[in-house]
C-alpha atoms as a PDB file:
ATOM      1  CA  MET A   1       0.144  -0.074  -0.231  1.00  0.00           C
ATOM      2  CA  LEU A   2       1.355   3.550  -0.410  1.00  0.00           C
ATOM      3  CA  GLN A   3       2.213   5.862   2.857  1.00  0.00           C
ATOM      4  CA  ILE A   4       3.478   9.301   2.713  1.00  0.00           C
ATOM      5  CA  ARG A   5       6.776   9.634   4.445  1.00  0.00           C
ATOM      6  CA  VAL A   6       9.648  12.151   5.072  1.00  0.00           C
ATOM      7  CA  HIS A   7      12.912  10.831   4.747  1.00  0.00           C
ATOM      8  CA  GLY A   8      15.134  14.002   5.030  1.00  0.00           C
ATOM      9  CA  PRO A   9      15.078  17.765   5.154  1.00  0.00           C
ATOM     10  CA  GLY A  10      12.405  18.814   1.996  1.00  0.00           C
ATOM     11  CA  ASP A  11      12.349  14.681   0.695  1.00  0.00           C
ATOM     12  CA  VAL A  12       9.070  13.479   1.042  1.00  0.00           C
ATOM     13  CA  ARG A  13       7.567  10.675  -0.953  1.00  0.00           C
ATOM     14  CA  VAL A  14       4.624   8.368  -1.522  1.00  0.00           C
ATOM     15  CA  ASP A  15       6.320   4.744  -0.567  1.00  0.00           C
ATOM     16  CA  ASP A  16       5.048   1.321  -1.196  1.00  0.00           C
ATOM     17  CA  VAL A  17       4.977  -0.825   2.270  1.00  0.00           C
ATOM     18  CA  VAL A  18       3.451  -3.834   3.821  1.00  0.00           C
ATOM     19  CA  GLU A  19      -0.032  -3.560   4.475  1.00  0.00           C
ATOM     20  CA  PRO A  20      -0.320  -3.597   8.309  1.00  0.00           C
ATOM     21  CA  GLU A  21      -1.959  -6.883  10.650  1.00  0.00           C
ATOM     22  CA  PRO A  22      -3.241  -6.121  13.788  1.00  0.00           C
ATOM     23  CA  GLY A  23      -1.653  -7.220  16.853  1.00  0.00           C
ATOM     24  CA  PRO A  24      -4.054  -9.262  19.590  1.00  0.00           C
ATOM     25  CA  GLY A  25      -4.967  -5.229  21.127  1.00  0.00           C
ATOM     26  CA  ASP A  26      -4.662  -3.349  17.570  1.00  0.00           C
ATOM     27  CA  ALA A  27      -7.060  -2.073  14.695  1.00  0.00           C
ATOM     28  CA  VAL A  28      -6.828  -1.574  11.423  1.00  0.00           C
ATOM     29  CA  VAL A  29      -8.710   1.553  10.258  1.00  0.00           C
ATOM     30  CA  ARG A  30      -9.429   2.108   6.167  1.00  0.00           C
ATOM     31  CA  ILE A  31      -8.957   5.621   6.007  1.00  0.00           C
ATOM     32  CA  ALA A  32     -11.737   7.797   4.132  1.00  0.00           C
ATOM     33  CA  ALA A  33      -9.663  11.019   4.584  1.00  0.00           C
ATOM     34  CA  CYS A  34      -6.370  12.541   6.065  1.00  0.00           C
ATOM     35  CA  GLY A  35      -6.183  16.149   6.821  1.00  0.00           C
ATOM     36  CA  ILE A  36      -2.625  17.671   5.871  1.00  0.00           C
ATOM     37  CA  CYS A  37      -1.673  20.716   8.048  1.00  0.00           C
ATOM     38  CA  GLY A  38       1.051  23.412   8.823  1.00  0.00           C
ATOM     39  CA  SER A  39       2.945  20.909  11.313  1.00  0.00           C
ATOM     40  CA  ASP A  40       3.323  18.361   8.534  1.00  0.00           C
ATOM     41  CA  LEU A  41       5.087  21.466   6.115  1.00  0.00           C
ATOM     42  CA  SER A  42       7.195  21.700   9.551  1.00  0.00           C
ATOM     43  CA  TYR A  43       8.194  18.321   9.879  1.00  0.00           C
ATOM     44  CA  ILE A  44       9.097  17.732   5.984  1.00  0.00           C
ATOM     45  CA  ARG A  45      11.136  20.991   6.178  1.00  0.00           C
ATOM     46  CA  MET A  46      13.290  19.777   9.201  1.00  0.00           C
ATOM     47  CA  GLY A  47      13.261  16.362   7.926  1.00  0.00           C
ATOM     48  CA  GLY A  48      11.056  14.583  10.531  1.00  0.00           C
ATOM     49  CA  LEU A  49       9.777  15.358  14.064  1.00  0.00           C
ATOM     50  CA  ALA A  50      12.652  17.681  14.969  1.00  0.00           C
ATOM     51  CA  GLY A  51      15.422  16.798  12.295  1.00  0.00           C
ATOM     52  CA  PRO A  52      16.247  13.306  10.611  1.00  0.00           C
ATOM     53  CA  GLY A  53      15.574  10.589  12.420  1.00  0.00           C
ATOM     54  CA  PRO A  54      17.085   6.577  11.845  1.00  0.00           C
ATOM     55  CA  GLU A  55      13.943   5.698   9.803  1.00  0.00           C
ATOM     56  CA  PRO A  56      11.379   7.349   7.844  1.00  0.00           C
ATOM     57  CA  MET A  57       8.773   9.220   9.301  1.00  0.00           C
ATOM     58  CA  CYS A  58       5.045   8.826   8.564  1.00  0.00           C
ATOM     59  CA  LEU A  59       2.731  11.719   7.982  1.00  0.00           C
ATOM     60  CA  GLY A  60      -0.917  11.933   8.982  1.00  0.00           C
ATOM     61  CA  HIS A  61      -2.834  13.315  12.401  1.00  0.00           C
ATOM     62  CA  GLU A  62      -6.084  14.076  10.910  1.00  0.00           C
ATOM     63  CA  MET A  63      -8.149  10.843   9.854  1.00  0.00           C
ATOM     64  CA  ALA A  64     -11.483   9.415   9.908  1.00  0.00           C
ATOM     65  CA  GLY A  65     -12.573   6.157   8.310  1.00  0.00           C
ATOM     66  CA  VAL A  66     -14.037   2.880   8.833  1.00  0.00           C
ATOM     67  CA  VAL A  67     -12.402   0.037  11.128  1.00  0.00           C
ATOM     68  CA  GLU A  68     -11.123  -2.911   8.767  1.00  0.00           C
ATOM     69  CA  ALA A  69      -9.912  -5.503  11.125  1.00  0.00           C
ATOM     70  CA  VAL A  70      -9.632  -5.862  14.542  1.00  0.00           C
ATOM     71  CA  GLY A  71      -7.382  -8.037  17.070  1.00  0.00           C
ATOM     72  CA  ASP A  72      -8.755 -10.808  19.036  1.00  0.00           C
ATOM     73  CA  ASP A  73      -8.784  -9.025  22.178  1.00  0.00           C
ATOM     74  CA  VAL A  74     -10.402  -5.614  21.138  1.00  0.00           C
ATOM     75  CA  THR A  75     -13.535  -5.011  22.522  1.00  0.00           C
ATOM     76  CA  THR A  76     -14.618  -1.419  22.436  1.00  0.00           C
ATOM     77  CA  VAL A  77     -14.574  -1.294  18.313  1.00  0.00           C
ATOM     78  CA  ALA A  78     -15.769  -3.559  15.854  1.00  0.00           C
ATOM     79  CA  VAL A  79     -15.592  -4.162  11.895  1.00  0.00           C
ATOM     80  CA  GLY A  80     -17.241  -1.980  10.144  1.00  0.00           C
ATOM     81  CA  ASP A  81     -17.361   0.910  12.650  1.00  0.00           C
ATOM     82  CA  ARG A  82     -17.218   4.634  11.456  1.00  0.00           C
ATOM     83  CA  VAL A  83     -14.051   6.295  13.791  1.00  0.00           C
ATOM     84  CA  VAL A  84     -12.023   9.246  14.040  1.00  0.00           C
ATOM     85  CA  VAL A  85      -8.659   8.435  15.249  1.00  0.00           C
ATOM     86  CA  GLN A  86      -7.190  10.622  17.787  1.00  0.00           C
ATOM     87  CA  PRO A  87      -3.288  10.687  17.023  1.00  0.00           C
ATOM     88  CA  GLY A  88      -2.019   9.579  20.303  1.00  0.00           C
ATOM     89  CA  ASN A  89      -0.295  10.537  23.377  1.00  0.00           C
ATOM     90  CA  GLU A  90       3.329  10.257  25.002  1.00  0.00           C
ATOM     91  CA  GLU A  91       2.117   7.541  26.547  1.00  0.00           C
ATOM     92  CA  LEU A  92       0.401   5.634  23.861  1.00  0.00           C
ATOM     93  CA  GLY A  93       2.771   6.994  21.239  1.00  0.00           C
ATOM     94  CA  ARG A  94       1.423   9.073  18.709  1.00  0.00           C
ATOM     95  CA  ILE A  95       0.263   8.598  14.824  1.00  0.00           C
ATOM     96  CA  GLY A  96       1.464  11.205  12.140  1.00  0.00           C
ATOM     97  CA  GLY A  97       3.827  13.079  14.999  1.00  0.00           C
ATOM     98  CA  GLY A  98       6.974  10.722  15.545  1.00  0.00           C
ATOM     99  CA  GLY A  99       5.438   7.768  15.897  1.00  0.00           C
ATOM    100  CA  PRO A 100       5.613   4.525  13.208  1.00  0.00           C
ATOM    101  CA  GLU A 101       2.375   4.848  11.558  1.00  0.00           C
ATOM    102  CA  GLY A 102       0.616   7.735  10.045  1.00  0.00           C
ATOM    103  CA  GLY A 103      -2.827   8.487   8.751  1.00  0.00           C
ATOM    104  CA  LEU A 104      -1.530   9.671   5.335  1.00  0.00           C
ATOM    105  CA  THR A 105      -2.282   6.077   3.733  1.00  0.00           C
ATOM    106  CA  PRO A 106      -5.336   3.559   2.897  1.00  0.00           C
ATOM    107  CA  LEU A 107      -4.886   1.297   6.167  1.00  0.00           C
ATOM    108  CA  LEU A 108      -3.601   2.877   9.516  1.00  0.00           C
ATOM    109  CA  LEU A 109      -2.699   0.481  12.480  1.00  0.00           C
ATOM    110  CA  VAL A 110      -3.987   1.626  15.844  1.00  0.00           C
ATOM    111  CA  ARG A 111      -2.369   0.134  18.791  1.00  0.00           C
ATOM    112  CA  SER A 112      -4.017  -0.716  21.716  1.00  0.00           C
ATOM    113  CA  ALA A 113      -7.240   0.123  20.075  1.00  0.00           C
ATOM    114  CA  ASP A 114      -9.284  -0.231  23.505  1.00  0.00           C
ATOM    115  CA  ALA A 115      -7.135   2.918  25.216  1.00  0.00           C
ATOM    116  CA  GLY A 116      -9.738   5.337  24.324  1.00  0.00           C
ATOM    117  CA  LEU A 117      -7.964   6.752  20.632  1.00  0.00           C
ATOM    118  CA  LEU A 118     -11.041   5.641  18.333  1.00  0.00           C
ATOM    119  CA  HIS A 119     -14.022   7.960  18.747  1.00  0.00           C
ATOM    120  CA  PRO A 120     -17.377   6.894  17.178  1.00  0.00           C
ATOM    121  CA  VAL A 121     -19.009   8.796  14.101  1.00  0.00           C
ATOM    122  CA  PRO A 122     -22.531   9.498  14.089  1.00  0.00           C
ATOM    123  CA  ASP A 123     -24.253   7.894  10.373  1.00  0.00           C
ATOM    124  CA  SER A 124     -25.512  11.603   9.934  1.00  0.00           C
ATOM    125  CA  LEU A 125     -21.667  12.798   9.769  1.00  0.00           C
ATOM    126  CA  PRO A 126     -19.589  12.314   6.405  1.00  0.00           C
ATOM    127  CA  LEU A 127     -16.413  10.755   7.364  1.00  0.00           C
ATOM    128  CA  ASP A 128     -14.516  13.292   5.628  1.00  0.00           C
ATOM    129  CA  VAL A 129     -16.149  15.880   7.446  1.00  0.00           C
ATOM    130  CA  ALA A 130     -15.293  13.845  10.311  1.00  0.00           C
ATOM    131  CA  ALA A 131     -11.671  14.043   9.421  1.00  0.00           C
ATOM    132  CA  PHE A 132     -11.694  17.717  10.475  1.00  0.00           C
ATOM    133  CA  ALA A 133     -12.486  16.402  14.346  1.00  0.00           C
ATOM    134  CA  GLU A 134      -8.683  16.965  14.972  1.00  0.00           C
ATOM    135  CA  PRO A 135      -7.909  20.327  14.139  1.00  0.00           C
ATOM    136  CA  LEU A 136     -11.076  21.561  15.139  1.00  0.00           C
ATOM    137  CA  ALA A 137     -10.360  20.309  18.794  1.00  0.00           C
ATOM    138  CA  VAL A 138      -7.171  22.179  18.489  1.00  0.00           C
ATOM    139  CA  GLY A 139      -9.328  25.521  17.945  1.00  0.00           C
ATOM    140  CA  MET A 140     -11.410  24.220  20.676  1.00  0.00           C
ATOM    141  CA  HIS A 141      -8.919  23.954  23.047  1.00  0.00           C
ATOM    142  CA  ALA A 142      -7.470  27.651  22.235  1.00  0.00           C
ATOM    143  CA  VAL A 143     -10.789  29.238  22.975  1.00  0.00           C
ATOM    144  CA  GLU A 144     -10.905  27.037  26.306  1.00  0.00           C
ATOM    145  CA  GLN A 145      -6.968  28.471  26.820  1.00  0.00           C
ATOM    146  CA  ALA A 146      -8.522  32.051  26.496  1.00  0.00           C
ATOM    147  CA  GLU A 147     -11.150  31.399  29.237  1.00  0.00           C
ATOM    148  CA  VAL A 148     -13.475  33.635  27.249  1.00  0.00           C
ATOM    149  CA  ARG A 149     -16.994  34.239  29.182  1.00  0.00           C
ATOM    150  CA  ASP A 150     -20.519  34.824  28.241  1.00  0.00           C
ATOM    151  CA  GLY A 151     -20.847  38.116  26.450  1.00  0.00           C
ATOM    152  CA  GLU A 152     -16.852  38.966  25.784  1.00  0.00           C
ATOM    153  CA  ALA A 153     -15.845  40.318  22.526  1.00  0.00           C
ATOM    154  CA  VAL A 154     -13.277  38.104  20.856  1.00  0.00           C
ATOM    155  CA  ALA A 155     -10.825  38.463  18.049  1.00  0.00           C
ATOM    156  CA  VAL A 156      -9.144  35.461  16.408  1.00  0.00           C
ATOM    157  CA  PHE A 157      -6.345  36.496  14.287  1.00  0.00           C
ATOM    158  CA  GLY A 158      -5.085  34.246  11.523  1.00  0.00           C
ATOM    159  CA  CYS A 159      -8.373  32.480   9.734  1.00  0.00           C
ATOM    160  CA  GLY A 160      -6.435  29.093   8.439  1.00  0.00           C
ATOM    161  CA  PRO A 161      -7.971  25.773   9.722  1.00  0.00           C
ATOM    162  CA  ILE A 162      -7.148  26.648  13.324  1.00  0.00           C
ATOM    163  CA  GLY A 163      -8.402  29.823  13.076  1.00  0.00           C
ATOM    164  CA  LEU A 164     -11.556  28.998  11.561  1.00  0.00           C
ATOM    165  CA  ALA A 165     -12.184  26.185  14.482  1.00  0.00           C
ATOM    166  CA  ALA A 166     -12.195  28.730  17.108  1.00  0.00           C
ATOM    167  CA  VAL A 167     -14.586  30.975  15.435  1.00  0.00           C
ATOM    168  CA  ALA A 168     -16.923  28.182  14.941  1.00  0.00           C
ATOM    169  CA  THR A 169     -16.143  27.187  18.442  1.00  0.00           C
ATOM    170  CA  LEU A 170     -17.012  30.425  19.703  1.00  0.00           C
ATOM    171  CA  VAL A 171     -20.072  31.066  17.781  1.00  0.00           C
ATOM    172  CA  ASP A 172     -21.407  27.822  18.777  1.00  0.00           C
ATOM    173  CA  ALA A 173     -20.880  28.441  22.537  1.00  0.00           C
ATOM    174  CA  GLY A 174     -22.891  32.020  21.831  1.00  0.00           C
ATOM    175  CA  CYS A 175     -20.720  34.451  21.376  1.00  0.00           C
ATOM    176  CA  ASP A 176     -21.819  37.082  18.576  1.00  0.00           C
ATOM    177  CA  ASN A 177     -18.745  39.329  19.291  1.00  0.00           C
ATOM    178  CA  VAL A 178     -16.124  37.281  17.229  1.00  0.00           C
ATOM    179  CA  VAL A 179     -13.848  39.451  14.821  1.00  0.00           C
ATOM    180  CA  ALA A 180     -11.611  37.495  12.337  1.00  0.00           C
ATOM    181  CA  VAL A 181      -8.725  39.048  11.019  1.00  0.00           C
ATOM    182  CA  ASP A 182      -6.809  37.772   8.022  1.00  0.00           C
ATOM    183  CA  LEU A 183      -5.168  38.500   4.990  1.00  0.00           C
ATOM    184  CA  SER A 184      -7.252  35.794   2.626  1.00  0.00           C
ATOM    185  CA  ALA A 185     -10.267  37.379   1.246  1.00  0.00           C
ATOM    186  CA  ARG A 186     -11.480  33.576   0.570  1.00  0.00           C
ATOM    187  CA  ARG A 187     -10.432  33.031   4.568  1.00  0.00           C
ATOM    188  CA  ARG A 188     -12.013  36.234   5.603  1.00  0.00           C
ATOM    189  CA  GLU A 189     -15.696  34.900   3.667  1.00  0.00           C
ATOM    190  CA  LEU A 190     -15.039  31.607   5.352  1.00  0.00           C
ATOM    191  CA  ALA A 191     -15.081  33.389   8.633  1.00  0.00           C
ATOM    192  CA  LEU A 192     -18.491  35.462   7.885  1.00  0.00           C
ATOM    193  CA  GLY A 193     -20.192  31.957   6.886  1.00  0.00           C
ATOM    194  CA  LEU A 194     -19.023  30.732  10.075  1.00  0.00           C
ATOM    195  CA  GLY A 195     -20.583  33.275  12.166  1.00  0.00           C
ATOM    196  CA  ALA A 196     -17.945  36.094  12.883  1.00  0.00           C
ATOM    197  CA  GLN A 197     -19.564  39.378  13.350  1.00  0.00           C
ATOM    198  CA  ALA A 198     -16.752  40.778  11.343  1.00  0.00           C
ATOM    199  CA  ALA A 199     -13.831  40.003   8.879  1.00  0.00           C
ATOM    200  CA  LEU A 200     -10.898  42.306   8.614  1.00  0.00           C
ATOM    201  CA  ASP A 201      -8.188  42.669   6.337  1.00  0.00           C
ATOM    202  CA  PRO A 202      -4.779  43.752   8.071  1.00  0.00           C
ATOM    203  CA  ALA A 203      -3.401  45.136   4.695  1.00  0.00           C
ATOM    204  CA  THR A 204      -6.102  47.387   3.985  1.00  0.00           C
ATOM    205  CA  ASP A 205      -7.975  48.020   7.632  1.00  0.00           C
ATOM    206  CA  ASP A 206      -6.725  49.885  10.709  1.00  0.00           C
ATOM    207  CA  VAL A 207      -7.695  46.542  12.818  1.00  0.00           C
ATOM    208  CA  TRP A 208      -7.377  48.163  16.086  1.00  0.00           C
ATOM    209  CA  ALA A 209      -9.225  50.937  15.282  1.00  0.00           C
ATOM    210  CA  ALA A 210     -11.990  48.844  13.824  1.00  0.00           C
ATOM    211  CA  LEU A 211     -11.958  46.570  16.848  1.00  0.00           C
ATOM    212  CA  ALA A 212     -12.272  49.907  19.174  1.00  0.00           C
ATOM    213  CA  ASP A 213     -15.557  50.523  16.651  1.00  0.00           C
ATOM    214  CA  LEU A 214     -17.247  47.077  16.836  1.00  0.00           C
ATOM    215  CA  HIS A 215     -16.052  46.035  20.839  1.00  0.00           C
ATOM    216  CA  GLY A 216     -16.082  49.721  22.426  1.00  0.00           C
ATOM    217  CA  THR A 217     -13.054  51.123  24.021  1.00  0.00           C
ATOM    218  CA  VAL A 218     -11.946  50.890  27.839  1.00  0.00           C
ATOM    219  CA  PRO A 219      -9.520  53.538  29.692  1.00  0.00           C
ATOM    220  CA  PHE A 220      -5.382  52.919  30.073  1.00  0.00           C
ATOM    221  CA  MET A 221      -3.132  55.520  31.014  1.00  0.00           C
ATOM    222  CA  PHE A 222      -1.763  55.818  27.634  1.00  0.00           C
ATOM    223  CA  GLY A 223      -5.019  56.439  26.479  1.00  0.00           C
ATOM    224  CA  PRO A 224      -8.097  54.192  25.562  1.00  0.00           C
ATOM    225  CA  THR A 225      -7.653  50.589  23.846  1.00  0.00           C
ATOM    226  CA  PRO A 226     -10.375  48.542  22.264  1.00  0.00           C
ATOM    227  CA  ALA A 227     -12.383  46.470  24.815  1.00  0.00           C
ATOM    228  CA  THR A 228     -12.058  43.400  23.063  1.00  0.00           C
ATOM    229  CA  ALA A 229     -11.237  40.805  25.739  1.00  0.00           C
ATOM    230  CA  ALA A 230      -9.790  38.115  24.383  1.00  0.00           C
ATOM    231  CA  PHE A 231      -7.501  37.199  21.538  1.00  0.00           C
ATOM    232  CA  ILE A 232      -6.926  34.005  19.784  1.00  0.00           C
ATOM    233  CA  GLU A 233      -3.498  33.857  17.950  1.00  0.00           C
ATOM    234  CA  ALA A 234      -3.671  31.445  15.062  1.00  0.00           C
ATOM    235  CA  SER A 235      -1.625  33.670  12.374  1.00  0.00           C
ATOM    236  CA  GLY A 236       1.801  32.867  13.240  1.00  0.00           C
ATOM    237  CA  SER A 237       2.826  36.381  12.754  1.00  0.00           C
ATOM    238  CA  ALA A 238       5.203  37.763  15.422  1.00  0.00           C
ATOM    239  CA  LYS A 239       4.515  41.070  14.836  1.00  0.00           C
ATOM    240  CA  VAL A 240       0.823  40.316  15.714  1.00  0.00           C
ATOM    241  CA  LEU A 241       1.370  38.842  19.015  1.00  0.00           C
ATOM    242  CA  THR A 242       3.634  42.343  19.639  1.00  0.00           C
ATOM    243  CA  GLN A 243       0.423  44.230  18.648  1.00  0.00           C
ATOM    244  CA  ILE A 244      -1.883  42.095  21.009  1.00  0.00           C
ATOM    245  CA  LEU A 245       0.393  43.118  23.808  1.00  0.00           C
ATOM    246  CA  ASP A 246       0.618  46.583  23.015  1.00  0.00           C
ATOM    247  CA  ARG A 247      -2.810  47.318  21.870  1.00  0.00           C
ATOM    248  CA  GLY A 248      -5.077  45.028  24.192  1.00  0.00           C
ATOM    249  CA  ARG A 249      -6.563  45.911  27.296  1.00  0.00           C
ATOM    250  CA  VAL A 250      -5.848  46.195  30.792  1.00  0.00           C
ATOM    251  CA  GLY A 251      -7.317  42.487  31.695  1.00  0.00           C
ATOM    252  CA  GLY A 252      -6.740  40.876  28.321  1.00  0.00           C
ATOM    253  CA  ARG A 253      -5.834  37.423  27.353  1.00  0.00           C
ATOM    254  CA  CYS A 254      -4.534  35.897  24.607  1.00  0.00           C
ATOM    255  CA  SER A 255      -4.295  32.458  23.583  1.00  0.00           C
ATOM    256  CA  VAL A 256      -1.332  31.079  21.477  1.00  0.00           C
ATOM    257  CA  VAL A 257      -2.043  28.514  19.043  1.00  0.00           C
ATOM    258  CA  ALA A 258      -0.318  29.234  16.053  1.00  0.00           C
ATOM    259  CA  LEU A 259       3.568  27.925  15.587  1.00  0.00           C
ATOM    260  CA  HIS A 260       6.522  30.705  16.527  1.00  0.00           C
ATOM    261  CA  TYR A 261       9.979  28.976  15.927  1.00  0.00           C
ATOM    262  CA  GLU A 262      11.639  32.303  16.354  1.00  0.00           C
ATOM    263  CA  PRO A 263      12.098  34.326  19.445  1.00  0.00           C
ATOM    264  CA  ILE A 264       9.660  37.172  19.560  1.00  0.00           C
ATOM    265  CA  ALA A 265      10.331  40.553  21.449  1.00  0.00           C
ATOM    266  CA  THR A 266       8.065  41.061  24.707  1.00  0.00           C
ATOM    267  CA  SER A 267       7.336  44.134  26.380  1.00  0.00           C
ATOM    268  CA  TYR A 268       7.138  43.054  29.783  1.00  0.00           C
ATOM    269  CA  LEU A 269       6.394  46.383  31.152  1.00  0.00           C
ATOM    270  CA  MET A 270       3.056  46.008  29.047  1.00  0.00           C
ATOM    271  CA  LEU A 271       2.334  42.497  30.555  1.00  0.00           C
ATOM    272  CA  LEU A 272       2.886  43.800  34.247  1.00  0.00           C
ATOM    273  CA  MET A 273       0.730  47.213  33.368  1.00  0.00           C
ATOM    274  CA  LYS A 274      -2.279  45.388  32.125  1.00  0.00           C
ATOM    275  CA  GLU A 275      -1.982  41.974  34.291  1.00  0.00           C
ATOM    276  CA  PHE A 276      -2.100  40.622  30.511  1.00  0.00           C
ATOM    277  CA  THR A 277      -2.674  36.863  30.252  1.00  0.00           C
ATOM    278  CA  LEU A 278      -0.311  35.247  27.414  1.00  0.00           C
ATOM    279  CA  ARG A 279      -1.185  31.240  27.301  1.00  0.00           C
ATOM    280  CA  GLY A 280       0.098  28.815  24.972  1.00  0.00           C
ATOM    281  CA  SER A 281      -2.534  26.015  23.548  1.00  0.00           C
ATOM    282  CA  MET A 282      -1.665  22.779  22.975  1.00  0.00           C
ATOM    283  CA  GLU A 283      -3.873  19.778  21.399  1.00  0.00           C
ATOM    284  CA  TYR A 284      -7.389  19.128  22.625  1.00  0.00           C
ATOM    285  CA  PRO A 285     -10.079  19.875  25.329  1.00  0.00           C
ATOM    286  CA  GLU A 286     -10.149  16.845  27.795  1.00  0.00           C
ATOM    287  CA  ARG A 287     -12.949  15.165  25.692  1.00  0.00           C
ATOM    288  CA  PHE A 288     -11.784  14.892  22.261  1.00  0.00           C
ATOM    289  CA  ALA A 289     -14.869  13.727  21.296  1.00  0.00           C
ATOM    290  CA  ASP A 290     -16.525  17.185  21.941  1.00  0.00           C
ATOM    291  CA  ALA A 291     -15.263  17.803  18.373  1.00  0.00           C
ATOM    292  CA  ILE A 292     -17.050  15.377  16.691  1.00  0.00           C
ATOM    293  CA  ASP A 293     -20.562  16.394  18.666  1.00  0.00           C
ATOM    294  CA  LEU A 294     -19.774  20.210  17.183  1.00  0.00           C
ATOM    295  CA  LEU A 295     -19.503  18.720  13.443  1.00  0.00           C
ATOM    296  CA  ALA A 296     -22.264  16.573  14.395  1.00  0.00           C
ATOM    297  CA  ARG A 297     -24.529  19.842  15.252  1.00  0.00           C
ATOM    298  CA  ARG A 298     -23.241  22.414  13.084  1.00  0.00           C
ATOM    299  CA  ASP A 299     -22.467  22.279   9.209  1.00  0.00           C
ATOM    300  CA  LEU A 300     -18.788  23.388   8.795  1.00  0.00           C
ATOM    301  CA  SER A 301     -18.138  21.472   5.858  1.00  0.00           C
ATOM    302  CA  SER A 302     -17.851  25.131   4.091  1.00  0.00           C
ATOM    303  CA  VAL A 303     -14.043  25.042   5.860  1.00  0.00           C
ATOM    304  CA  LEU A 304     -13.288  21.709   3.899  1.00  0.00           C
ATOM    305  CA  THR A 305     -12.093  23.804   0.541  1.00  0.00           C
ATOM    306  CA  ASP A 306      -9.815  20.632  -1.143  1.00  0.00           C
ATOM    307  CA  ARG A 307      -9.515  17.157  -1.862  1.00  0.00           C
ATOM    308  CA  VAL A 308      -6.701  15.371  -3.085  1.00  0.00           C
ATOM    309  CA  PRO A 309      -6.415  11.643  -3.775  1.00  0.00           C
ATOM    310  CA  LEU A 310      -3.387  10.072  -2.077  1.00  0.00           C
ATOM    311  CA  GLU A 311      -1.127   9.460  -5.365  1.00  0.00           C
ATOM    312  CA  ARG A 312      -1.356  13.165  -5.982  1.00  0.00           C
ATOM    313  CA  PHE A 313       0.256  14.408  -2.772  1.00  0.00           C
ATOM    314  CA  ASP A 314       2.928  16.458  -4.515  1.00  0.00           C
ATOM    315  CA  GLU A 315      -0.583  18.785  -5.566  1.00  0.00           C
ATOM    316  CA  ALA A 316      -1.750  18.892  -1.893  1.00  0.00           C
ATOM    317  CA  LEU A 317       1.457  20.169  -0.943  1.00  0.00           C
ATOM    318  CA  ASP A 318       1.786  22.742  -3.192  1.00  0.00           C
ATOM    319  CA  LEU A 319      -1.685  24.090  -2.696  1.00  0.00           C
ATOM    320  CA  LEU A 320      -1.043  24.716   0.951  1.00  0.00           C
ATOM    321  CA  GLN A 321       2.777  25.859   0.482  1.00  0.00           C
ATOM    322  CA  GLY A 322       1.190  28.108  -2.567  1.00  0.00           C
ATOM    323  CA  SER A 323      -1.714  29.562  -1.360  1.00  0.00           C
ATOM    324  CA  VAL A 324      -3.563  31.454   1.552  1.00  0.00           C
ATOM    325  CA  GLU A 325      -7.120  30.964  -0.444  1.00  0.00           C
ATOM    326  CA  CYS A 326      -7.717  27.166   0.472  1.00  0.00           C
ATOM    327  CA  GLY A 327      -9.334  26.173   3.854  1.00  0.00           C
ATOM    328  CA  LYS A 328      -8.704  22.657   5.147  1.00  0.00           C
ATOM    329  CA  VAL A 329      -6.679  20.586   2.279  1.00  0.00           C
ATOM    330  CA  LEU A 330      -7.981  17.105   2.912  1.00  0.00           C
ATOM    331  CA  VAL A 331      -6.065  14.030   1.247  1.00  0.00           C
ATOM    332  CA  THR A 332      -8.624  11.134   0.078  1.00  0.00           C
ATOM    333  CA  PRO A 333      -6.896   7.376  -0.161  1.00  0.00           C
END
């Protein structure tokens, strides 16, 4: 069968590998769709999880499919079950994040199938949409980390799949003061379609003046600031993170979910004077299946803008690397 693997810096291949055989406690899932994301691009650029390893690294950590086979000891899933595969953790090992398996393949071996990594998918939810559960869970946790309260105004910087997931989570929770910020017209349109109050283009709009107009202002000793209470930083821009601290309100909170590889100059004076909270966000809510529940009750299929066959994985990479006009790119074995 085919498997997408990273062999070294910039060297990613569609390899031919042996089909998996489940052990007594394992399951094999036939993948219906697997998303690719910015972290996959980082793995390819670096040649592995943090550089080249002794073996090629399998890619793919956003997947859904149907259970094809189970080991004799498995009790929690059965052949034919429709599932989202949670991509593991440090204890169980990771799928597509440095472990021996990855979801960009037709057949995925899931070790320790009874450990809670296989989540049922309702019949009403298409499997390609269900594959969005993993990035949706990342966006949901970013909202959790910002501790958004009822009635508060929020700004989401960066409307790639994770930022759009945060917008969808906020709107689903009843937040009607969500402003999306992104350079891409397509992504701003997607954010508005998900229920954002407004979508701003930082290339042409005065973002901070617009936030003051939309959310009102609060006093600060150096002049009023937008009353926006919480920020989701999903853009990966150092400039954005600096501006949030400089221009945000007293008592503001920022959840950082984007990948920032380089150090960023930070005004700890502003952090102190504003009693501002900067908080990282990594992975998922305590209950991963919350993301599947949200997909089942709210149509987020508009975020899934592109589908590419596994054999043409290079086209999917070109799309993700060369365009900011796409939402989630899915690979379909």
